[in-house]
Full PDB file with SEQRES, HELIX, SHEET, SSBOND, CRYST1, ORIGX, SCALE, CONECT and MASTER records, all heavy atoms in Angstrom:
SEQRES   1 A   30  ILE ASP ASP PRO GLU PHE TRP PRO TRP TYR THR LYS ILE          
SEQRES   2 A   30  THR PRO ILE GLU HIS ILE SER ARG LEU PRO ILE ALA SER          
SEQRES   3 A   30  ARG PRO VAL SER                                              
HELIX    1 AA1 PHE A    6  ILE A   13  1                                   8    
HELIX    2 AA2 ILE A   16  ILE A   19  1                                   4    
CRYST1    1.000    1.000    1.000  90.00  90.00  90.00 P 1           1          
ORIGX1      1.000000  0.000000  0.000000        0.00000                         
ORIGX2      0.000000  1.000000  0.000000        0.00000                         
ORIGX3      0.000000  0.000000  1.000000        0.00000                         
SCALE1      1.000000  0.000000  0.000000        0.00000                         
SCALE2      0.000000  1.000000  0.000000        0.00000                         
SCALE3      0.000000  0.000000  1.000000        0.00000                         
ATOM      1  N   ILE A   1      30.686  10.887  48.555  1.00  0.00           N  
ATOM      2  CA  ILE A   1      32.034  11.059  48.007  1.00  0.00           C  
ATOM      3  C   ILE A   1      33.016  11.690  48.992  1.00  0.00           C  
ATOM      4  O   ILE A   1      34.233  11.603  48.787  1.00  0.00           O  
ATOM      5  CB  ILE A   1      32.001  11.871  46.696  1.00  0.00           C  
ATOM      6  CG1 ILE A   1      31.567  13.324  46.939  1.00  0.00           C  
ATOM      7  CG2 ILE A   1      31.085  11.211  45.681  1.00  0.00           C  
ATOM      8  CD1 ILE A   1      31.642  14.198  45.689  1.00  0.00           C  
ATOM      9  N   ASP A   2      32.513  12.310  50.072  1.00  0.00           N  
ATOM     10  CA  ASP A   2      33.416  12.908  51.058  1.00  0.00           C  
ATOM     11  C   ASP A   2      33.763  11.954  52.196  1.00  0.00           C  
ATOM     12  O   ASP A   2      34.537  12.309  53.092  1.00  0.00           O  
ATOM     13  CB  ASP A   2      32.794  14.183  51.645  1.00  0.00           C  
ATOM     14  CG  ASP A   2      32.768  15.327  50.641  1.00  0.00           C  
ATOM     15  OD1 ASP A   2      33.562  15.288  49.680  1.00  0.00           O  
ATOM     16  OD2 ASP A   2      31.958  16.255  50.809  1.00  0.00           O  
ATOM     17  N   ASP A   3      33.189  10.755  52.175  1.00  0.00           N  
ATOM     18  CA  ASP A   3      33.540   9.756  53.180  1.00  0.00           C  
ATOM     19  C   ASP A   3      35.052   9.465  53.083  1.00  0.00           C  
ATOM     20  O   ASP A   3      35.568   9.258  51.987  1.00  0.00           O  
ATOM     21  CB  ASP A   3      32.738   8.470  52.931  1.00  0.00           C  
ATOM     22  CG  ASP A   3      32.897   7.452  54.050  1.00  0.00           C  
ATOM     23  OD1 ASP A   3      34.038   6.995  54.273  1.00  0.00           O  
ATOM     24  OD2 ASP A   3      31.886   7.097  54.679  1.00  0.00           O  
ATOM     25  N   PRO A   4      35.767   9.466  54.212  1.00  0.00           N  
ATOM     26  CA  PRO A   4      37.216   9.241  54.175  1.00  0.00           C  
ATOM     27  C   PRO A   4      37.622   7.925  53.511  1.00  0.00           C  
ATOM     28  O   PRO A   4      38.734   7.808  52.983  1.00  0.00           O  
ATOM     29  CB  PRO A   4      37.612   9.243  55.660  1.00  0.00           C  
ATOM     30  CG  PRO A   4      36.524   9.999  56.352  1.00  0.00           C  
ATOM     31  CD  PRO A   4      35.273   9.729  55.576  1.00  0.00           C  
ATOM     32  N   GLU A   5      36.723   6.942  53.527  1.00  0.00           N  
ATOM     33  CA  GLU A   5      37.053   5.643  52.938  1.00  0.00           C  
ATOM     34  C   GLU A   5      36.651   5.553  51.469  1.00  0.00           C  
ATOM     35  O   GLU A   5      36.934   4.537  50.812  1.00  0.00           O  
ATOM     36  CB  GLU A   5      36.344   4.528  53.722  1.00  0.00           C  
ATOM     37  CG  GLU A   5      36.759   4.446  55.187  1.00  0.00           C  
ATOM     38  CD  GLU A   5      35.937   3.422  55.945  1.00  0.00           C  
ATOM     39  OE1 GLU A   5      35.160   2.689  55.311  1.00  0.00           O  
ATOM     40  OE2 GLU A   5      36.071   3.357  57.173  1.00  0.00           O  
ATOM     41  N   PHE A   6      36.023   6.605  50.946  1.00  0.00           N  
ATOM     42  CA  PHE A   6      35.472   6.509  49.603  1.00  0.00           C  
ATOM     43  C   PHE A   6      36.539   6.449  48.510  1.00  0.00           C  
ATOM     44  O   PHE A   6      36.489   5.603  47.619  1.00  0.00           O  
ATOM     45  CB  PHE A   6      34.524   7.678  49.322  1.00  0.00           C  
ATOM     46  CG  PHE A   6      34.066   7.722  47.889  1.00  0.00           C  
ATOM     47  CD1 PHE A   6      33.053   6.893  47.453  1.00  0.00           C  
ATOM     48  CD2 PHE A   6      34.691   8.558  46.966  1.00  0.00           C  
ATOM     49  CE1 PHE A   6      32.655   6.890  46.124  1.00  0.00           C  
ATOM     50  CE2 PHE A   6      34.298   8.570  45.636  1.00  0.00           C  
ATOM     51  CZ  PHE A   6      33.276   7.735  45.217  1.00  0.00           C  
ATOM     52  N   TRP A   7      37.511   7.382  48.526  1.00  0.00           N  
ATOM     53  CA  TRP A   7      38.487   7.452  47.437  1.00  0.00           C  
ATOM     54  C   TRP A   7      39.296   6.157  47.294  1.00  0.00           C  
ATOM     55  O   TRP A   7      39.457   5.663  46.159  1.00  0.00           O  
ATOM     56  CB  TRP A   7      39.399   8.660  47.624  1.00  0.00           C  
ATOM     57  CG  TRP A   7      40.440   8.799  46.550  1.00  0.00           C  
ATOM     58  CD1 TRP A   7      41.794   8.668  46.690  1.00  0.00           C  
ATOM     59  CD2 TRP A   7      40.227   9.083  45.164  1.00  0.00           C  
ATOM     60  NE1 TRP A   7      42.431   8.859  45.490  1.00  0.00           N  
ATOM     61  CE2 TRP A   7      41.497   9.114  44.536  1.00  0.00           C  
ATOM     62  CE3 TRP A   7      39.089   9.317  44.389  1.00  0.00           C  
ATOM     63  CZ2 TRP A   7      41.662   9.371  43.168  1.00  0.00           C  
ATOM     64  CZ3 TRP A   7      39.248   9.569  43.029  1.00  0.00           C  
ATOM     65  CH2 TRP A   7      40.519   9.598  42.437  1.00  0.00           C  
ATOM     66  N   PRO A   8      39.790   5.560  48.384  1.00  0.00           N  
ATOM     67  CA  PRO A   8      40.474   4.263  48.227  1.00  0.00           C  
ATOM     68  C   PRO A   8      39.572   3.193  47.613  1.00  0.00           C  
ATOM     69  O   PRO A   8      40.027   2.377  46.804  1.00  0.00           O  
ATOM     70  CB  PRO A   8      40.875   3.897  49.660  1.00  0.00           C  
ATOM     71  CG  PRO A   8      40.956   5.196  50.367  1.00  0.00           C  
ATOM     72  CD  PRO A   8      39.871   6.046  49.772  1.00  0.00           C  
ATOM     73  N   TRP A   9      38.294   3.209  47.980  1.00  0.00           N  
ATOM     74  CA  TRP A   9      37.338   2.249  47.405  1.00  0.00           C  
ATOM     75  C   TRP A   9      37.141   2.507  45.918  1.00  0.00           C  
ATOM     76  O   TRP A   9      37.179   1.585  45.111  1.00  0.00           O  
ATOM     77  CB  TRP A   9      36.012   2.373  48.154  1.00  0.00           C  
ATOM     78  CG  TRP A   9      34.909   1.485  47.641  1.00  0.00           C  
ATOM     79  CD1 TRP A   9      34.705   0.165  47.934  1.00  0.00           C  
ATOM     80  CD2 TRP A   9      33.842   1.862  46.760  1.00  0.00           C  
ATOM     81  NE1 TRP A   9      33.579  -0.313  47.306  1.00  0.00           N  
ATOM     82  CE2 TRP A   9      33.029   0.709  46.564  1.00  0.00           C  
ATOM     83  CE3 TRP A   9      33.481   3.044  46.118  1.00  0.00           C  
ATOM     84  CZ2 TRP A   9      31.893   0.720  45.748  1.00  0.00           C  
ATOM     85  CZ3 TRP A   9      32.348   3.060  45.310  1.00  0.00           C  
ATOM     86  CH2 TRP A   9      31.572   1.904  45.139  1.00  0.00           C  
ATOM     87  N   TYR A  10      36.957   3.760  45.560  1.00  0.00           N  
ATOM     88  CA  TYR A  10      36.724   4.137  44.165  1.00  0.00           C  
ATOM     89  C   TYR A  10      37.913   3.756  43.290  1.00  0.00           C  
ATOM     90  O   TYR A  10      37.743   3.215  42.188  1.00  0.00           O  
ATOM     91  CB  TYR A  10      36.455   5.641  44.105  1.00  0.00           C  
ATOM     92  CG  TYR A  10      36.338   6.242  42.731  1.00  0.00           C  
ATOM     93  CD1 TYR A  10      35.158   6.151  42.003  1.00  0.00           C  
ATOM     94  CD2 TYR A  10      37.408   6.934  42.161  1.00  0.00           C  
ATOM     95  CE1 TYR A  10      35.042   6.722  40.736  1.00  0.00           C  
ATOM     96  CE2 TYR A  10      37.303   7.510  40.907  1.00  0.00           C  
ATOM     97  CZ  TYR A  10      36.126   7.400  40.196  1.00  0.00           C  
ATOM     98  OH  TYR A  10      36.029   7.962  38.953  1.00  0.00           O  
ATOM     99  N   THR A  11      39.114   4.041  43.745  1.00  0.00           N  
ATOM    100  CA  THR A  11      40.297   3.729  42.945  1.00  0.00           C  
ATOM    101  C   THR A  11      40.539   2.220  42.868  1.00  0.00           C  
ATOM    102  O   THR A  11      41.173   1.748  41.924  1.00  0.00           O  
ATOM    103  CB  THR A  11      41.553   4.405  43.528  1.00  0.00           C  
ATOM    104  OG1 THR A  11      41.714   4.030  44.902  1.00  0.00           O  
ATOM    105  CG2 THR A  11      41.435   5.920  43.419  1.00  0.00           C  
ATOM    106  N   LYS A  12      40.030   1.483  43.842  1.00  0.00           N  
ATOM    107  CA  LYS A  12      40.199   0.026  43.837  1.00  0.00           C  
ATOM    108  C   LYS A  12      39.249  -0.657  42.867  1.00  0.00           C  
ATOM    109  O   LYS A  12      39.630  -1.609  42.173  1.00  0.00           O  
ATOM    110  CB  LYS A  12      39.979  -0.526  45.253  1.00  0.00           C  
ATOM    111  CG  LYS A  12      40.252  -2.019  45.371  1.00  0.00           C  
ATOM    112  CD  LYS A  12      40.133  -2.486  46.817  1.00  0.00           C  
ATOM    113  CE  LYS A  12      40.505  -3.965  46.947  1.00  0.00           C  
ATOM    114  NZ  LYS A  12      40.450  -4.425  48.347  1.00  0.00           N  
ATOM    115  N   ILE A  13      38.002  -0.173  42.781  1.00  0.00           N  
ATOM    116  CA  ILE A  13      37.002  -0.885  41.969  1.00  0.00           C  
ATOM    117  C   ILE A  13      36.888  -0.363  40.542  1.00  0.00           C  
ATOM    118  O   ILE A  13      36.354  -1.047  39.676  1.00  0.00           O  
ATOM    119  CB  ILE A  13      35.605  -0.847  42.634  1.00  0.00           C  
ATOM    120  CG1 ILE A  13      35.007   0.568  42.552  1.00  0.00           C  
ATOM    121  CG2 ILE A  13      35.658  -1.370  44.054  1.00  0.00           C  
ATOM    122  CD1 ILE A  13      33.511   0.602  42.625  1.00  0.00           C  
ATOM    123  N   THR A  14      37.371   0.848  40.272  1.00  0.00           N  
ATOM    124  CA  THR A  14      37.250   1.417  38.927  1.00  0.00           C  
ATOM    125  C   THR A  14      38.623   1.425  38.238  1.00  0.00           C  
ATOM    126  O   THR A  14      39.660   1.378  38.902  1.00  0.00           O  
ATOM    127  CB  THR A  14      36.719   2.865  38.953  1.00  0.00           C  
ATOM    128  OG1 THR A  14      37.758   3.739  39.449  1.00  0.00           O  
ATOM    129  CG2 THR A  14      35.481   2.990  39.827  1.00  0.00           C  
ATOM    130  N   PRO A  15      38.646   1.529  36.912  1.00  0.00           N  
ATOM    131  CA  PRO A  15      39.923   1.611  36.197  1.00  0.00           C  
ATOM    132  C   PRO A  15      40.439   3.040  36.058  1.00  0.00           C  
ATOM    133  O   PRO A  15      41.061   3.388  35.054  1.00  0.00           O  
ATOM    134  CB  PRO A  15      39.575   1.014  34.834  1.00  0.00           C  
ATOM    135  CG  PRO A  15      38.152   1.397  34.618  1.00  0.00           C  
ATOM    136  CD  PRO A  15      37.502   1.371  35.988  1.00  0.00           C  
ATOM    137  N   ILE A  16      40.183   3.904  37.045  1.00  0.00           N  
ATOM    138  CA  ILE A  16      40.556   5.310  36.947  1.00  0.00           C  
ATOM    139  C   ILE A  16      42.069   5.471  36.753  1.00  0.00           C  
ATOM    140  O   ILE A  16      42.525   6.352  36.016  1.00  0.00           O  
ATOM    141  CB  ILE A  16      40.072   6.118  38.178  1.00  0.00           C  
ATOM    142  CG1 ILE A  16      40.368   7.611  38.014  1.00  0.00           C  
ATOM    143  CG2 ILE A  16      40.685   5.566  39.465  1.00  0.00           C  
ATOM    144  CD1 ILE A  16      39.658   8.264  36.860  1.00  0.00           C  
ATOM    145  N   GLU A  17      42.864   4.594  37.383  1.00  0.00           N  
ATOM    146  CA  GLU A  17      44.321   4.679  37.226  1.00  0.00           C  
ATOM    147  C   GLU A  17      44.717   4.513  35.761  1.00  0.00           C  
ATOM    148  O   GLU A  17      45.615   5.200  35.259  1.00  0.00           O  
ATOM    149  CB  GLU A  17      45.003   3.593  38.069  1.00  0.00           C  
ATOM    150  CG  GLU A  17      46.503   3.516  37.842  1.00  0.00           C  
ATOM    151  CD  GLU A  17      47.135   2.307  38.518  1.00  0.00           C  
ATOM    152  OE1 GLU A  17      46.454   1.632  39.311  1.00  0.00           O  
ATOM    153  OE2 GLU A  17      48.323   2.040  38.228  1.00  0.00           O  
ATOM    154  N   HIS A  18      44.044   3.634  35.061  1.00  0.00           N  
ATOM    155  CA  HIS A  18      44.384   3.344  33.669  1.00  0.00           C  
ATOM    156  C   HIS A  18      43.753   4.364  32.717  1.00  0.00           C  
ATOM    157  O   HIS A  18      44.350   4.710  31.696  1.00  0.00           O  
ATOM    158  CB  HIS A  18      43.948   1.920  33.330  1.00  0.00           C  
ATOM    159  CG  HIS A  18      44.464   0.924  34.316  1.00  0.00           C  
ATOM    160  ND1 HIS A  18      45.769   0.497  34.318  1.00  0.00           N  
ATOM    161  CD2 HIS A  18      43.859   0.317  35.382  1.00  0.00           C  
ATOM    162  CE1 HIS A  18      45.952  -0.349  35.318  1.00  0.00           C  
ATOM    163  NE2 HIS A  18      44.806  -0.478  35.966  1.00  0.00           N  
ATOM    164  N   ILE A  19      42.571   4.852  33.067  1.00  0.00           N  
ATOM    165  CA  ILE A  19      41.959   5.942  32.295  1.00  0.00           C  
ATOM    166  C   ILE A  19      42.874   7.160  32.302  1.00  0.00           C  
ATOM    167  O   ILE A  19      43.004   7.865  31.297  1.00  0.00           O  
ATOM    168  CB  ILE A  19      40.565   6.285  32.866  1.00  0.00           C  
ATOM    169  CG1 ILE A  19      39.576   5.147  32.564  1.00  0.00           C  
ATOM    170  CG2 ILE A  19      40.049   7.602  32.303  1.00  0.00           C  
ATOM    171  CD1 ILE A  19      38.231   5.294  33.266  1.00  0.00           C  
ATOM    172  N   SER A  20      43.543   7.390  33.437  1.00  0.00           N  
ATOM    173  CA  SER A  20      44.433   8.551  33.547  1.00  0.00           C  
ATOM    174  C   SER A  20      45.625   8.459  32.614  1.00  0.00           C  
ATOM    175  O   SER A  20      46.295   9.459  32.343  1.00  0.00           O  
ATOM    176  CB  SER A  20      44.923   8.697  34.996  1.00  0.00           C  
ATOM    177  OG  SER A  20      45.817   7.649  35.334  1.00  0.00           O  
ATOM    178  N   ARG A  21      45.895   7.254  32.090  1.00  0.00           N  
ATOM    179  CA  ARG A  21      47.043   7.060  31.199  1.00  0.00           C  
ATOM    180  C   ARG A  21      46.637   6.854  29.737  1.00  0.00           C  
ATOM    181  O   ARG A  21      47.496   6.656  28.884  1.00  0.00           O  
ATOM    182  CB  ARG A  21      47.873   5.865  31.685  1.00  0.00           C  
ATOM    183  CG  ARG A  21      48.440   6.074  33.078  1.00  0.00           C  
ATOM    184  CD  ARG A  21      49.217   4.863  33.563  1.00  0.00           C  
ATOM    185  NE  ARG A  21      49.647   5.031  34.937  1.00  0.00           N  
ATOM    186  CZ  ARG A  21      50.740   5.705  35.322  1.00  0.00           C  
ATOM    187  NH1 ARG A  21      51.516   6.254  34.401  1.00  0.00           N  
ATOM    188  NH2 ARG A  21      51.060   5.810  36.590  1.00  0.00           N  
ATOM    189  N   LEU A  22      45.347   6.891  29.466  1.00  0.00           N  
ATOM    190  CA  LEU A  22      44.900   6.749  28.078  1.00  0.00           C  
ATOM    191  C   LEU A  22      45.279   7.988  27.266  1.00  0.00           C  
ATOM    192  O   LEU A  22      45.052   9.115  27.719  1.00  0.00           O  
ATOM    193  CB  LEU A  22      43.378   6.562  28.027  1.00  0.00           C  
ATOM    194  CG  LEU A  22      42.827   5.189  28.385  1.00  0.00           C  
ATOM    195  CD1 LEU A  22      41.307   5.271  28.531  1.00  0.00           C  
ATOM    196  CD2 LEU A  22      43.185   4.160  27.326  1.00  0.00           C  
ATOM    197  N   PRO A  23      45.826   7.813  26.072  1.00  0.00           N  
ATOM    198  CA  PRO A  23      46.228   8.970  25.243  1.00  0.00           C  
ATOM    199  C   PRO A  23      45.048   9.494  24.430  1.00  0.00           C  
ATOM    200  O   PRO A  23      45.070   9.485  23.196  1.00  0.00           O  
ATOM    201  CB  PRO A  23      47.317   8.377  24.349  1.00  0.00           C  
ATOM    202  CG  PRO A  23      46.880   6.952  24.160  1.00  0.00           C  
ATOM    203  CD  PRO A  23      46.222   6.535  25.463  1.00  0.00           C  
ATOM    204  N   ILE A  24      43.991   9.967  25.109  1.00  0.00           N  
ATOM    205  CA  ILE A  24      42.789  10.357  24.371  1.00  0.00           C  
ATOM    206  C   ILE A  24      42.327  11.769  24.657  1.00  0.00           C  
ATOM    207  O   ILE A  24      41.368  12.222  24.061  1.00  0.00           O  
ATOM    208  CB  ILE A  24      41.619   9.398  24.687  1.00  0.00           C  
ATOM    209  CG1 ILE A  24      41.293   9.424  26.183  1.00  0.00           C  
ATOM    210  CG2 ILE A  24      41.925   7.991  24.214  1.00  0.00           C  
ATOM    211  CD1 ILE A  24      40.025   8.653  26.545  1.00  0.00           C  
ATOM    212  N   ALA A  25      42.969  12.463  25.573  1.00  0.00           N  
ATOM    213  CA  ALA A  25      42.420  13.757  25.998  1.00  0.00           C  
ATOM    214  C   ALA A  25      43.363  14.896  25.660  1.00  0.00           C  
ATOM    215  O   ALA A  25      44.573  14.717  25.554  1.00  0.00           O  
ATOM    216  CB  ALA A  25      42.139  13.741  27.501  1.00  0.00           C  
ATOM    217  N   SER A  26      42.787  16.084  25.522  1.00  0.00           N  
ATOM    218  CA  SER A  26      43.599  17.273  25.271  1.00  0.00           C  
ATOM    219  C   SER A  26      44.190  17.811  26.567  1.00  0.00           C  
ATOM    220  O   SER A  26      45.137  18.590  26.550  1.00  0.00           O  
ATOM    221  CB  SER A  26      42.747  18.360  24.617  1.00  0.00           C  
ATOM    222  OG  SER A  26      41.656  18.699  25.450  1.00  0.00           O  
ATOM    223  N   ARG A  27      43.620  17.381  27.703  1.00  0.00           N  
ATOM    224  CA  ARG A  27      44.127  17.819  29.001  1.00  0.00           C  
ATOM    225  C   ARG A  27      44.340  16.586  29.882  1.00  0.00           C  
ATOM    226  O   ARG A  27      43.674  15.572  29.705  1.00  0.00           O  
ATOM    227  CB  ARG A  27      43.121  18.763  29.678  1.00  0.00           C  
ATOM    228  CG  ARG A  27      42.923  20.067  28.942  1.00  0.00           C  
ATOM    229  CD  ARG A  27      41.960  20.965  29.672  1.00  0.00           C  
ATOM    230  NE  ARG A  27      40.629  20.394  29.728  1.00  0.00           N  
ATOM    231  CZ  ARG A  27      39.610  20.932  30.412  1.00  0.00           C  
ATOM    232  NH1 ARG A  27      39.790  22.018  31.106  1.00  0.00           N  
ATOM    233  NH2 ARG A  27      38.420  20.368  30.398  1.00  0.00           N  
ATOM    234  N   PRO A  28      45.243  16.666  30.855  1.00  0.00           N  
ATOM    235  CA  PRO A  28      45.451  15.513  31.736  1.00  0.00           C  
ATOM    236  C   PRO A  28      44.222  15.248  32.594  1.00  0.00           C  
ATOM    237  O   PRO A  28      43.400  16.136  32.836  1.00  0.00           O  
ATOM    238  CB  PRO A  28      46.638  15.941  32.607  1.00  0.00           C  
ATOM    239  CG  PRO A  28      46.645  17.431  32.547  1.00  0.00           C  
ATOM    240  CD  PRO A  28      46.139  17.789  31.190  1.00  0.00           C  
ATOM    241  N   VAL A  29      44.091  13.998  33.066  1.00  0.00           N  
ATOM    242  CA  VAL A  29      42.960  13.609  33.906  1.00  0.00           C  
ATOM    243  C   VAL A  29      42.899  14.441  35.174  1.00  0.00           C  
ATOM    244  O   VAL A  29      41.834  14.835  35.634  1.00  0.00           O  
ATOM    245  CB  VAL A  29      43.071  12.106  34.250  1.00  0.00           C  
ATOM    246  CG1 VAL A  29      42.141  11.743  35.403  1.00  0.00           C  
ATOM    247  CG2 VAL A  29      42.719  11.277  33.028  1.00  0.00           C  
ATOM    248  N   SER A  30      44.057  14.695  35.745  1.00  0.00           N  
ATOM    249  CA  SER A  30      44.141  15.487  36.968  1.00  0.00           C  
ATOM    250  C   SER A  30      44.726  16.856  36.672  1.00  0.00           C  
ATOM    251  O   SER A  30      45.561  17.005  35.775  1.00  0.00           O  
ATOM    252  CB  SER A  30      45.018  14.767  38.003  1.00  0.00           C  
ATOM    253  OG  SER A  30      45.296  15.606  39.103  1.00  0.00           O  
TER     254      SER A  30                                                      
MASTER        0    0    0    2    0    0    0    6  253    1    0    3          
END                                                                             
């Protein structure tokens, strides 16, 4: 997870951007 290329890869293949906008949590994703 500390590989410099990891975060761009993770955000590209997972729906994390859209999970961050789901109205389901008591606290923000970030």
